[in-house]
């Protein structure tokens, strides 16, 4: 029986994903974003690159069949399943500054960046090493004329998922996103399963 690991609302987890293993990320209740970031287990200076991945894929809407590249242009993993088809790779993980600047919070939550910082510390990853995340299930359309972005409710429903197969040994950080706008203003858990094939 596959073990479903639960990331509680507005929190994060970190773990090792070995080459060939598959990570299944599940939206347990629907309309919940999960920020995903990874680093090479062998050298943490090698990390998931939004810019290189989008450049090589020639699209900002990454889905089944796409490869995801590191800052050194090596394939880190490939998406092998996707029941939603809309995710974001443009926006940085939310942070206390996000909530202060965008939402006007005077006592802000530490956000996904703070949660990732906490869980990745044991792997030797410092806050400034965390780049733009792959925001699973996040719905960020871009206006073709003006380039203006919008953050809309995720298209994911209860039980929707993606699968990512590692192409190298990875340190992974994964969140149940803390930003209200990203999750249609309801914070929910995220599930994940690791399998060997």
Protein backbone atom coordinates (compact mmCIF):
# COMPACT_ATOMS: atom_id res chain seq x y z
CA UNK A 1 0.00 0.00 0.00
CA UNK A 2 1.39 3.40 -1.00
CA UNK A 3 1.90 5.76 1.94
CA UNK A 4 0.19 9.13 1.56
CA UNK A 5 2.22 11.73 3.43
CA UNK A 6 0.28 14.80 4.54
CA UNK A 7 1.60 18.37 4.59
CA UNK A 8 -0.65 20.37 6.88
CA UNK A 9 -2.08 23.72 5.71
CA UNK A 10 0.48 26.55 5.55
CA UNK A 11 3.44 24.26 6.26
CA UNK A 12 6.14 22.34 4.38
CA UNK A 13 8.17 19.12 4.23
CA UNK A 14 11.57 18.14 2.88
CA UNK A 15 12.84 14.74 1.74
CA UNK A 16 15.27 12.92 -0.55
CA UNK A 17 14.01 11.72 -3.96
CA UNK A 18 16.42 9.24 -5.50
CA UNK A 19 17.10 8.95 -9.24
CA UNK A 20 14.28 6.96 -10.88
CA UNK A 21 11.84 7.43 -8.03
CA UNK A 22 8.46 9.00 -8.69
CA UNK A 23 6.89 11.74 -6.59
CA UNK A 24 3.10 11.97 -6.75
CA UNK A 25 1.69 15.27 -5.44
CA UNK A 26 -2.02 15.16 -4.61
CA UNK A 27 -4.48 17.99 -4.07
CA UNK A 28 -6.44 16.30 -1.29
CA UNK A 29 -9.41 18.69 -1.09
CA UNK A 30 -9.07 20.78 -4.26
CA UNK A 31 -7.92 24.33 -5.08
CA UNK A 32 -4.68 24.06 -3.08
CA UNK A 33 -1.27 25.07 -4.42
CA UNK A 34 1.97 23.25 -3.55
CA UNK A 35 5.30 25.05 -3.99
CA UNK A 36 7.97 22.58 -5.19
CA UNK A 37 11.71 23.16 -5.21
CA UNK A 38 14.65 20.80 -5.56
CA UNK A 39 18.43 20.76 -5.40
CA UNK A 40 21.01 18.21 -6.50
CA UNK A 41 21.80 15.95 -3.56
CA UNK A 42 25.45 15.90 -4.64
CA UNK A 43 25.85 19.68 -4.94
CA UNK A 44 23.25 22.02 -3.46
CA UNK A 45 24.51 24.85 -5.69
CA UNK A 46 22.68 23.07 -8.52
CA UNK A 47 18.97 23.88 -8.27
CA UNK A 48 15.73 23.86 -10.25
CA UNK A 49 15.75 26.74 -12.75
CA UNK A 50 12.55 28.41 -13.89
CA UNK A 51 14.39 30.39 -16.56
CA UNK A 52 16.20 27.46 -18.17
CA UNK A 53 13.15 25.17 -18.01
CA UNK A 54 10.84 27.71 -19.63
CA UNK A 55 13.50 28.57 -22.20
CA UNK A 56 13.98 24.96 -23.31
CA UNK A 57 10.26 24.04 -23.15
CA UNK A 58 9.26 27.24 -25.01
CA UNK A 59 6.18 27.57 -22.79
CA UNK A 60 5.31 28.89 -19.34
CA UNK A 61 2.62 26.21 -18.96
CA UNK A 62 4.50 23.03 -18.14
CA UNK A 63 2.68 19.72 -18.08
CA UNK A 64 2.99 15.98 -18.84
CA UNK A 65 6.05 15.17 -20.93
CA UNK A 66 8.03 18.28 -20.05
CA UNK A 67 11.54 18.06 -18.63
CA UNK A 68 12.63 20.38 -15.83
CA UNK A 69 16.19 21.70 -15.88
CA UNK A 70 18.73 22.88 -13.34
CA UNK A 71 20.73 26.10 -13.47
CA UNK A 72 23.42 23.92 -15.09
CA UNK A 73 21.05 22.81 -17.88
CA UNK A 74 20.81 19.23 -16.59
CA UNK A 75 17.45 17.45 -16.47
CA UNK A 76 16.41 17.17 -12.82
CA UNK A 77 13.07 15.43 -13.39
CA UNK A 78 10.28 14.90 -15.90
CA UNK A 79 6.52 15.22 -15.42
CA UNK A 80 4.96 11.87 -16.29
CA UNK A 81 1.32 12.48 -15.27
CA UNK A 82 -0.82 15.60 -14.90
CA UNK A 83 -4.58 15.57 -14.30
CA UNK A 84 -4.84 19.39 -14.15
CA UNK A 85 -2.66 20.87 -16.88
CA UNK A 86 -2.16 24.31 -15.33
CA UNK A 87 0.68 25.20 -12.99
CA UNK A 88 2.90 28.25 -12.48
CA UNK A 89 6.66 28.68 -12.83
CA UNK A 90 6.84 32.49 -12.80
CA UNK A 91 6.17 33.58 -9.22
CA UNK A 92 8.46 33.28 -6.22
CA UNK A 93 7.35 31.47 -3.05
CA UNK A 94 5.20 33.69 -0.84
CA UNK A 95 6.93 35.17 2.20
CA UNK A 96 6.36 37.52 5.11
CA UNK A 97 7.27 40.32 2.71
CA UNK A 98 4.64 39.09 0.23
CA UNK A 99 1.94 39.37 2.88
CA UNK A 100 3.21 42.76 4.02
CA UNK A 101 3.50 44.27 0.52
CA UNK A 102 0.56 42.66 -1.30
CA UNK A 103 -1.92 41.95 1.50
CA UNK A 104 -1.00 44.76 3.91
CA UNK A 105 -0.50 42.37 6.85
CA UNK A 106 1.15 44.00 9.85
CA UNK A 107 1.94 40.66 11.54
CA UNK A 108 2.55 38.46 8.49
CA UNK A 109 2.84 34.68 8.25
CA UNK A 110 6.31 33.51 7.22
CA UNK A 111 4.84 32.03 4.03
CA UNK A 112 6.17 29.28 1.81
CA UNK A 113 9.65 30.80 1.71
CA UNK A 114 9.85 30.75 5.49
CA UNK A 115 8.42 27.23 5.66
CA UNK A 116 10.90 25.99 3.03
CA UNK A 117 13.76 27.69 4.86
CA UNK A 118 12.82 25.82 8.04
CA UNK A 119 12.58 22.35 6.47
CA UNK A 120 15.57 22.67 4.13
CA UNK A 121 17.95 23.94 6.82
CA UNK A 122 18.89 20.37 7.80
CA UNK A 123 20.11 19.83 4.23
CA UNK A 124 22.45 22.82 4.38
CA UNK A 125 20.22 25.05 2.25
CA UNK A 126 20.07 28.69 3.35
CA UNK A 127 17.23 31.17 2.68
CA UNK A 128 19.01 32.98 -0.17
CA UNK A 129 19.55 29.66 -1.96
CA UNK A 130 15.81 29.18 -2.52
CA UNK A 131 14.88 30.31 -6.05
CA UNK A 132 11.55 30.54 -7.88
CA UNK A 133 9.56 27.39 -7.14
CA UNK A 134 7.45 25.28 -9.46
CA UNK A 135 4.01 26.15 -8.11
CA UNK A 136 1.96 23.00 -8.60
CA UNK A 137 -1.76 23.61 -9.28
CA UNK A 138 -1.28 27.41 -9.24
CA UNK A 139 -3.32 29.22 -11.90
CA UNK A 140 -1.52 32.33 -13.21
CA UNK A 141 -2.78 33.45 -16.64
CA UNK A 142 -0.82 36.11 -18.50
CA UNK A 143 -2.47 38.73 -20.71
CA UNK A 144 -1.05 38.34 -24.22
CA UNK A 145 -1.07 42.08 -24.94
CA UNK A 146 0.01 43.73 -21.69
CA UNK A 147 1.87 40.89 -19.95
CA UNK A 148 -0.23 41.51 -16.82
CA UNK A 149 -0.53 38.46 -14.60
CA UNK A 150 -3.55 37.36 -12.58
CA UNK A 151 -3.69 34.89 -9.72
CA UNK A 152 -6.90 32.91 -10.09
CA UNK A 153 -8.28 29.94 -8.11
CA UNK A 154 -6.52 26.67 -8.97
CA UNK A 155 -8.22 24.45 -11.54
CA UNK A 156 -7.41 21.36 -9.45
CA UNK A 157 -10.23 19.37 -7.90
CA UNK A 158 -10.22 16.90 -5.03
CA UNK A 159 -7.85 14.04 -5.85
CA UNK A 160 -6.11 15.71 -8.80
CA UNK A 161 -2.40 14.97 -9.00
CA UNK A 162 0.85 15.17 -10.90
CA UNK A 163 3.76 12.72 -11.03
CA UNK A 164 7.41 13.72 -11.28
CA UNK A 165 10.18 11.20 -12.01
CA UNK A 166 13.65 12.12 -10.75
CA UNK A 167 16.52 12.13 -13.21
CA UNK A 168 19.13 12.61 -10.46
CA UNK A 169 19.24 12.31 -6.68
CA UNK A 170 17.36 15.31 -5.29
CA UNK A 171 16.71 17.20 -2.09
CA UNK A 172 13.07 18.29 -2.34
CA UNK A 173 11.11 20.98 -0.53
CA UNK A 174 7.31 20.91 -0.85
CA UNK A 175 4.65 23.14 0.71
CA UNK A 176 0.93 23.49 1.21
CA UNK A 177 0.93 27.11 0.04
CA UNK A 178 0.22 29.88 2.54
CA UNK A 179 -1.04 32.64 0.21
CA UNK A 180 -4.79 33.25 0.31
CA UNK A 181 -5.14 34.50 -3.27
CA UNK A 182 -3.36 31.41 -4.65
CA UNK A 183 -5.73 28.97 -2.93
CA UNK A 184 -9.08 30.75 -3.36
CA UNK A 185 -8.75 31.99 0.26
CA UNK A 186 -9.01 28.58 1.91
CA UNK A 187 -5.93 26.83 3.31
CA UNK A 188 -5.87 23.06 2.86
CA UNK A 189 -3.38 20.16 3.10
CA UNK A 190 -1.30 18.66 0.31
CA UNK A 191 -0.49 14.97 -0.01
CA UNK A 192 2.50 13.25 -1.54
CA UNK A 193 3.59 9.69 -2.27
CA UNK A 194 7.08 8.44 -3.18
CA UNK A 195 7.37 5.22 -5.19
CA UNK A 196 10.29 3.40 -6.80
CA UNK A 197 8.41 3.12 -10.13
